[in-house]
Protein backbone atom coordinates (compact mmCIF):
# COMPACT_ATOMS: atom_id res chain seq x y z
CA MET A 1 37.48 36.86 -7.56
CA GLU A 2 37.98 40.08 -5.66
CA GLY A 3 36.24 42.25 -3.19
CA LYS A 4 34.15 41.25 0.03
CA GLY A 5 30.65 39.84 0.09
CA PHE A 6 28.11 37.71 1.96
CA ILE A 7 26.68 34.55 0.65
CA THR A 8 23.83 32.10 1.75
CA VAL A 9 22.68 28.77 0.34
CA ALA A 10 19.32 27.56 -0.81
CA THR A 11 18.67 24.41 -2.75
CA GLY A 12 15.47 22.22 -3.17
CA LYS A 13 12.22 23.36 -1.57
CA GLU A 14 11.02 26.88 -2.08
CA PHE A 15 10.83 27.26 1.63
CA TYR A 16 14.61 27.50 1.86
CA TYR A 17 14.54 30.27 -0.84
CA ARG A 18 11.96 32.23 1.04
CA ILE A 19 13.94 32.18 4.34
CA ALA A 20 17.16 33.12 2.41
CA HIS A 21 15.23 36.14 1.04
CA ASN A 22 14.13 37.07 4.49
CA LEU A 23 17.81 37.01 5.57
CA LEU A 24 18.75 39.30 2.72
CA LEU A 25 16.04 41.72 3.74
CA SER A 26 17.15 41.85 7.40
CA TYR A 27 20.69 42.57 6.33
CA ARG A 28 19.71 45.41 4.05
CA LEU A 29 17.33 46.80 6.73
CA HIS A 30 20.19 47.23 9.26
CA SER A 31 23.20 48.03 6.85
CA LEU A 32 23.99 51.64 6.02
CA GLU A 33 26.33 50.58 3.31
CA PRO A 34 25.27 47.08 2.13
CA LEU A 35 28.00 44.93 0.59
CA PRO A 36 27.03 42.54 -2.39
CA PHE A 37 24.94 39.56 -1.16
CA ALA A 38 25.06 36.37 -3.06
CA ILE A 39 22.96 33.22 -3.03
CA LEU A 40 24.20 29.68 -4.08
CA CYS A 41 21.22 27.69 -5.44
CA ASP A 42 19.90 25.19 -7.89
CA ARG A 43 17.73 27.55 -9.82
CA ARG A 44 16.57 31.00 -10.25
CA ASN A 45 13.14 32.17 -9.01
CA ARG A 46 11.31 35.02 -7.64
CA TRP A 47 13.26 34.83 -4.39
CA THR A 48 16.60 35.08 -5.98
CA GLU A 49 15.91 38.17 -7.93
CA ASP A 50 16.82 40.63 -5.25
CA PHE A 51 20.35 39.08 -4.71
CA ASP A 52 23.41 40.76 -6.16
CA GLU A 53 24.87 37.56 -7.38
CA VAL A 54 23.17 34.25 -8.17
CA VAL A 55 25.40 31.20 -8.35
CA VAL A 56 23.44 28.31 -9.82
CA ILE A 57 24.79 24.69 -9.27
CA ASP A 58 23.59 21.94 -11.61
CA ASP A 59 24.50 19.00 -9.18
CA PRO A 60 23.04 19.98 -5.64
CA ALA A 61 23.17 17.52 -2.88
CA PHE A 62 20.05 19.04 -1.45
CA SER A 63 21.60 18.64 2.03
CA PHE A 64 23.89 20.56 4.33
CA ALA A 65 26.81 19.48 2.16
CA ASP A 66 25.87 22.19 -0.43
CA LYS A 67 27.35 24.73 1.98
CA LEU A 68 30.77 23.22 1.20
CA ARG A 69 30.44 24.57 -2.33
CA ILE A 70 30.84 28.27 -1.18
CA ILE A 71 34.68 27.56 -0.77
CA ASP A 72 35.12 27.03 -4.57
CA LEU A 73 32.10 28.92 -6.01
CA SER A 74 31.74 32.08 -4.02
CA PRO A 75 32.07 35.06 -6.60
CA PHE A 76 34.12 37.14 -3.97
CA GLY A 77 37.73 37.36 -2.83
CA GLU A 78 36.63 37.29 0.75
CA THR A 79 33.39 35.68 1.84
CA ILE A 80 31.20 35.48 4.94
CA PHE A 81 28.63 32.77 4.75
CA ILE A 82 25.38 33.22 6.64
CA ASP A 83 22.97 30.42 7.06
CA ALA A 84 19.57 31.01 5.40
CA ASP A 85 17.68 30.30 8.72
CA CYS A 86 19.08 33.42 10.26
CA LEU A 87 17.90 36.92 10.69
CA ALA A 88 20.10 39.97 11.12
CA TYR A 89 19.52 42.24 14.13
CA ARG A 90 22.47 44.44 13.67
CA ASP A 91 24.67 45.58 10.70
CA LEU A 92 26.43 42.47 9.66
CA ASN A 93 29.22 44.40 8.12
CA GLY A 94 30.62 44.47 11.63
CA LEU A 95 31.44 40.73 11.19
CA TRP A 96 34.42 41.73 9.07
CA GLU A 97 36.03 43.11 12.20
CA VAL A 98 35.27 39.78 13.96
CA PHE A 99 37.13 37.84 11.27
CA GLU A 100 39.97 40.43 10.84
CA GLY A 101 43.26 38.57 10.73
CA ALA A 102 41.60 35.17 10.34
CA PRO A 103 43.16 32.36 8.30
CA ASP A 104 41.77 31.43 4.75
CA PHE A 105 38.92 29.60 6.52
CA ALA A 106 37.53 30.36 9.94
CA VAL A 107 34.74 29.37 12.25
CA LEU A 108 33.19 30.71 15.40
CA GLY A 109 33.62 28.04 18.10
CA HIS A 110 36.08 26.39 20.40
CA ALA A 111 39.45 24.55 20.40
CA PHE A 112 40.42 21.70 22.56
CA PRO A 113 43.44 19.67 23.13
CA LEU A 114 43.68 16.20 21.63
CA ASP A 115 43.26 14.35 24.83
CA SER A 116 40.04 16.30 25.65
CA ASP A 117 36.62 14.58 25.94
CA GLU A 118 35.09 17.43 24.05
CA GLY A 119 34.95 17.51 20.31
CA TRP A 120 33.23 15.55 17.67
CA TRP A 121 35.60 12.86 16.93
CA ASP A 122 38.10 10.42 18.44
CA LEU A 123 41.74 10.35 17.35
CA GLU A 124 41.79 6.60 16.87
CA ASN A 125 39.11 6.96 14.07
CA LEU A 126 40.96 9.56 11.91
CA GLY A 127 42.98 7.07 9.79
CA GLU A 128 45.53 8.85 7.67
CA LEU A 129 44.53 12.22 9.17
CA LYS A 130 45.55 11.04 12.66
CA GLY A 131 49.03 12.52 12.47
CA LYS A 132 47.95 15.77 10.91
CA VAL A 133 45.85 17.19 13.68
CA SER A 134 47.19 18.85 16.89
CA GLY A 135 43.81 19.65 18.52
CA LYS A 136 40.09 19.39 18.25
CA ILE A 137 37.72 22.09 16.96
CA THR A 138 33.88 22.61 17.38
CA CYS A 139 31.64 25.33 16.01
CA GLN A 140 28.10 26.60 15.40
CA GLY A 141 27.55 26.44 11.73
CA GLY A 142 25.50 29.55 11.07
CA VAL A 143 28.62 31.64 10.19
CA TYR A 144 31.66 30.83 8.30
CA TYR A 145 34.53 32.93 6.81
CA VAL A 146 36.38 32.06 3.48
CA ARG A 147 39.33 33.82 1.96
CA ASN A 148 38.47 32.53 -1.50
CA ASN A 149 41.65 33.75 -3.16
CA GLY A 150 43.87 32.65 -0.27
CA ASP A 151 46.93 30.64 -0.90
CA LEU A 152 45.85 27.77 1.38
CA ILE A 153 42.10 27.56 0.52
CA LYS A 154 42.48 25.04 -2.35
CA ASP A 155 44.23 22.50 -0.20
CA PHE A 156 41.62 23.02 2.45
CA SER A 157 38.88 22.47 -0.10
CA LYS A 158 40.50 19.23 -1.03
CA THR A 159 40.69 18.05 2.50
CA CYS A 160 37.02 18.83 2.82
CA ASP A 161 36.24 16.58 -0.24
CA PHE A 162 38.46 13.91 1.25
CA ILE A 163 36.42 13.86 4.55
CA LYS A 164 33.15 14.08 2.77
CA GLU A 165 33.92 11.10 0.66
CA ARG A 166 34.90 8.98 3.70
CA TYR A 167 32.52 10.63 6.10
CA PHE A 168 31.28 7.54 7.96
CA ASP A 169 34.74 6.10 8.37
CA PHE A 170 35.53 8.86 10.96
CA ARG A 171 32.54 7.85 13.30
CA PHE A 172 31.74 11.38 14.27
CA LYS A 173 30.11 11.61 17.70
CA LEU A 174 27.89 14.45 16.45
CA PHE A 175 25.96 13.93 13.17
CA GLY A 176 27.44 10.52 12.76
CA ASN A 177 24.57 9.15 10.78
CA LYS A 178 24.29 11.92 8.05
CA VAL A 179 26.74 14.13 6.20
CA GLU A 180 26.91 17.50 7.89
CA ASP A 181 28.93 20.68 7.22
CA GLU A 182 30.12 21.38 10.76
CA THR A 183 31.82 18.06 11.23
CA ILE A 184 33.62 18.21 7.83
CA LEU A 185 34.73 21.72 8.08
CA THR A 186 36.02 21.60 11.73
CA LEU A 187 37.87 18.41 11.10
CA ALA A 188 39.48 19.94 7.91
CA ALA A 189 40.26 23.15 10.01
CA ALA A 190 41.97 20.96 12.51
CA VAL A 191 44.08 19.35 9.82
CA HIS A 192 45.24 22.80 8.44
CA GLY A 193 45.57 24.59 11.93
CA PHE A 194 42.85 26.98 11.14
CA LEU A 195 41.63 27.80 14.88
CA PRO A 196 38.35 29.45 15.71
CA VAL A 197 38.48 33.20 15.88
CA ARG A 198 36.02 33.67 18.66
CA ASP A 199 33.28 31.90 20.76
CA TRP A 200 30.10 31.97 18.64
CA SER A 201 28.06 32.93 21.58
CA GLU A 202 29.83 36.31 21.56
CA VAL A 203 28.68 36.96 18.07
CA PHE A 204 25.20 35.50 17.55
CA ALA A 205 22.36 33.69 19.18
CA TYR A 206 21.21 30.15 18.53
CA TYR A 207 17.42 30.02 18.99
CA PRO A 208 17.15 26.46 20.20
CA GLU A 209 19.61 27.36 23.13
CA ALA A 210 18.37 30.82 23.65
CA LYS A 211 15.90 32.35 26.05
CA ILE A 212 14.59 35.31 24.11
CA ILE A 213 13.88 38.21 26.55
CA ALA A 214 13.13 40.94 23.94
CA ALA A 215 13.28 40.93 20.17
CA ASP A 216 12.17 43.15 17.20
CA VAL A 217 13.92 42.69 13.90
CA ARG A 218 12.66 45.92 12.62
CA SER A 219 14.30 48.01 15.37
CA GLY A 220 17.25 45.68 15.86
CA LEU A 221 16.41 44.69 19.44
CA LEU A 222 17.64 41.38 20.51
CA VAL A 223 18.03 40.53 24.25
CA HIS A 224 18.65 36.93 25.22
CA GLU A 225 20.12 34.49 27.75
CA TRP A 226 22.09 31.51 26.55
CA THR A 227 20.51 28.67 28.38
CA LEU A 228 23.96 26.85 28.72
CA ARG A 229 25.26 29.86 30.71
CA PRO A 230 22.32 31.01 32.66
CA GLY A 231 22.45 34.53 34.25
CA VAL A 232 24.57 36.12 31.56
CA ILE A 233 22.35 38.55 29.39
CA HIS A 234 23.37 39.47 25.91
CA ASP A 235 22.08 42.41 23.95
CA ASP A 236 24.71 42.88 21.23
CA ALA A 237 24.29 39.78 18.98
CA PHE A 238 24.61 40.35 15.29
CA LEU A 239 22.08 37.82 14.29
CA LEU A 240 19.69 35.08 15.44
CA HIS A 241 20.31 31.60 14.07
CA PHE A 242 16.69 30.01 14.31
CA GLY A 243 17.21 26.59 12.83
CA SER A 244 15.09 25.51 9.96
CA HIS A 245 12.45 23.72 12.15
CA ALA A 246 11.64 27.14 13.89
CA CYS A 247 11.62 28.87 10.65
CA LYS A 248 9.04 26.50 9.21
CA ASN A 249 6.85 25.84 12.17
CA GLY A 250 7.58 28.64 14.66
CA TRP A 251 5.45 31.67 15.29
CA PHE A 252 8.30 33.70 16.49
CA TYR A 253 10.37 33.47 13.35
CA ASN A 254 7.39 33.97 10.95
CA SER A 255 6.10 36.94 12.88
CA GLU A 256 9.55 38.54 12.84
CA ALA A 257 9.99 37.91 9.15
CA LEU A 258 6.66 39.44 8.41
CA LYS A 259 7.93 42.69 9.88
CA LEU A 260 10.59 43.03 7.09
CA ILE A 261 7.92 43.38 4.50
CA LYS A 262 5.20 45.03 6.40
CA ARG A 263 4.59 48.59 7.87
CA PRO A 264 4.23 48.53 11.68
CA TRP A 265 0.39 47.79 11.71
CA GLY A 266 -2.51 47.90 9.46
CA ILE A 267 -5.87 46.20 8.87
CA SER A 268 -4.24 43.57 6.54
CA ASP A 269 -1.84 42.51 9.21
CA CYS A 270 -4.74 40.70 11.05
CA THR A 271 -5.14 38.45 8.10
CA ASP A 272 -1.38 37.99 7.73
CA TYR A 273 -0.82 37.07 11.41
CA LEU A 274 -3.73 34.81 11.30
CA LEU A 275 -2.32 32.92 8.40
CA ILE A 276 1.09 32.70 10.04
CA TRP A 277 -0.71 31.15 13.26
CA LEU A 278 -2.68 28.71 10.93
CA ARG A 279 0.51 27.65 9.20
CA CYS A 280 2.15 26.86 12.39
CA VAL A 281 -0.67 24.97 13.78
CA VAL A 282 -0.93 22.87 10.54
CA ASN A 283 2.75 22.26 10.34
CA ASN A 284 2.84 21.09 13.90
CA SER A 285 0.07 18.55 13.39
CA LYS A 286 0.67 15.41 11.37
CA LEU A 287 -3.11 14.99 10.98
CA LEU A 288 -3.75 18.54 9.87
CA LYS A 289 -0.74 18.43 7.53
CA ALA A 290 -1.97 15.28 5.93
CA ILE A 291 -5.43 16.81 5.50
CA SER A 292 -3.92 20.16 4.03
CA ASN A 293 -1.96 18.10 1.44
CA LYS A 294 -5.35 16.93 -0.03
CA VAL A 295 -6.23 20.56 -0.75
CA PRO A 296 -5.53 21.59 -4.35
CA ARG A 297 -2.13 23.32 -4.64
CA ARG A 298 -3.61 26.77 -5.78
CA PHE A 299 -5.55 27.09 -2.40
CA ARG A 300 -2.54 26.15 -0.45
CA GLU A 301 -0.17 28.83 -1.92
CA ARG A 302 -1.58 31.72 0.15
CA LEU A 303 -1.00 29.74 3.41
CA TYR A 304 2.51 28.48 2.52
CA ARG A 305 3.71 31.45 0.48
């Protein structure tokens, strides 16, 4: 493994492949000198054809746990992972400056002392890891950095596997009822002393917690207010992390994604925007979704393409 590159993950439903491809398009739109962009997935299809590297796994978890595989399987010496449910609004190559000097694994988030009420776990629930942590770490899981050829990354990967296998023993306060990448990776980072390199809100926006003031993925315009810190306006975010629900059912994401493959406006756009609206209406109604599932697949492909 050598060189730098980006990677995203898509396994299971074709929906995840489609949004991963949208991420790729947005990166190449805003990057003057695009670096290789890989996808870790469970099969090749029409959405993977444009990626520079396709890493196929034959035993996917079809869950957030598949993100952990980038530590061992990324084809690059240094990797920045971007969640598939993101779109780039600036040149993501600038993220390499954000992670300059980072340890072998790095998150964007916050560090807290052990006696803090913050954090996603309590010290008494850590078992044999209890004596190996000196603080708590939280993050936003849209972006990770991995030095895949680093001296410490193999031990870090083993710690992640250890935590995943005993996940429910740790009684995580967030995502305690299902295996999630954020909780595993931040606990492992605490064990190895890999502190966050920066507050994530300084780097990207998280749509469920953002008030979007102005946005246009084609021009790179993104102005937002983080609802947890009202009054502070951000206009320099690298990307917008939508969340998969907003990608599937939200008008905003789908209308932005359409701009990546369409010219500014044309007659056919009326049909495309109408289909986006219809898809959002159907997906947000249990009754309409149940009715649409009775329609033959070939007639639904246009709506859910």
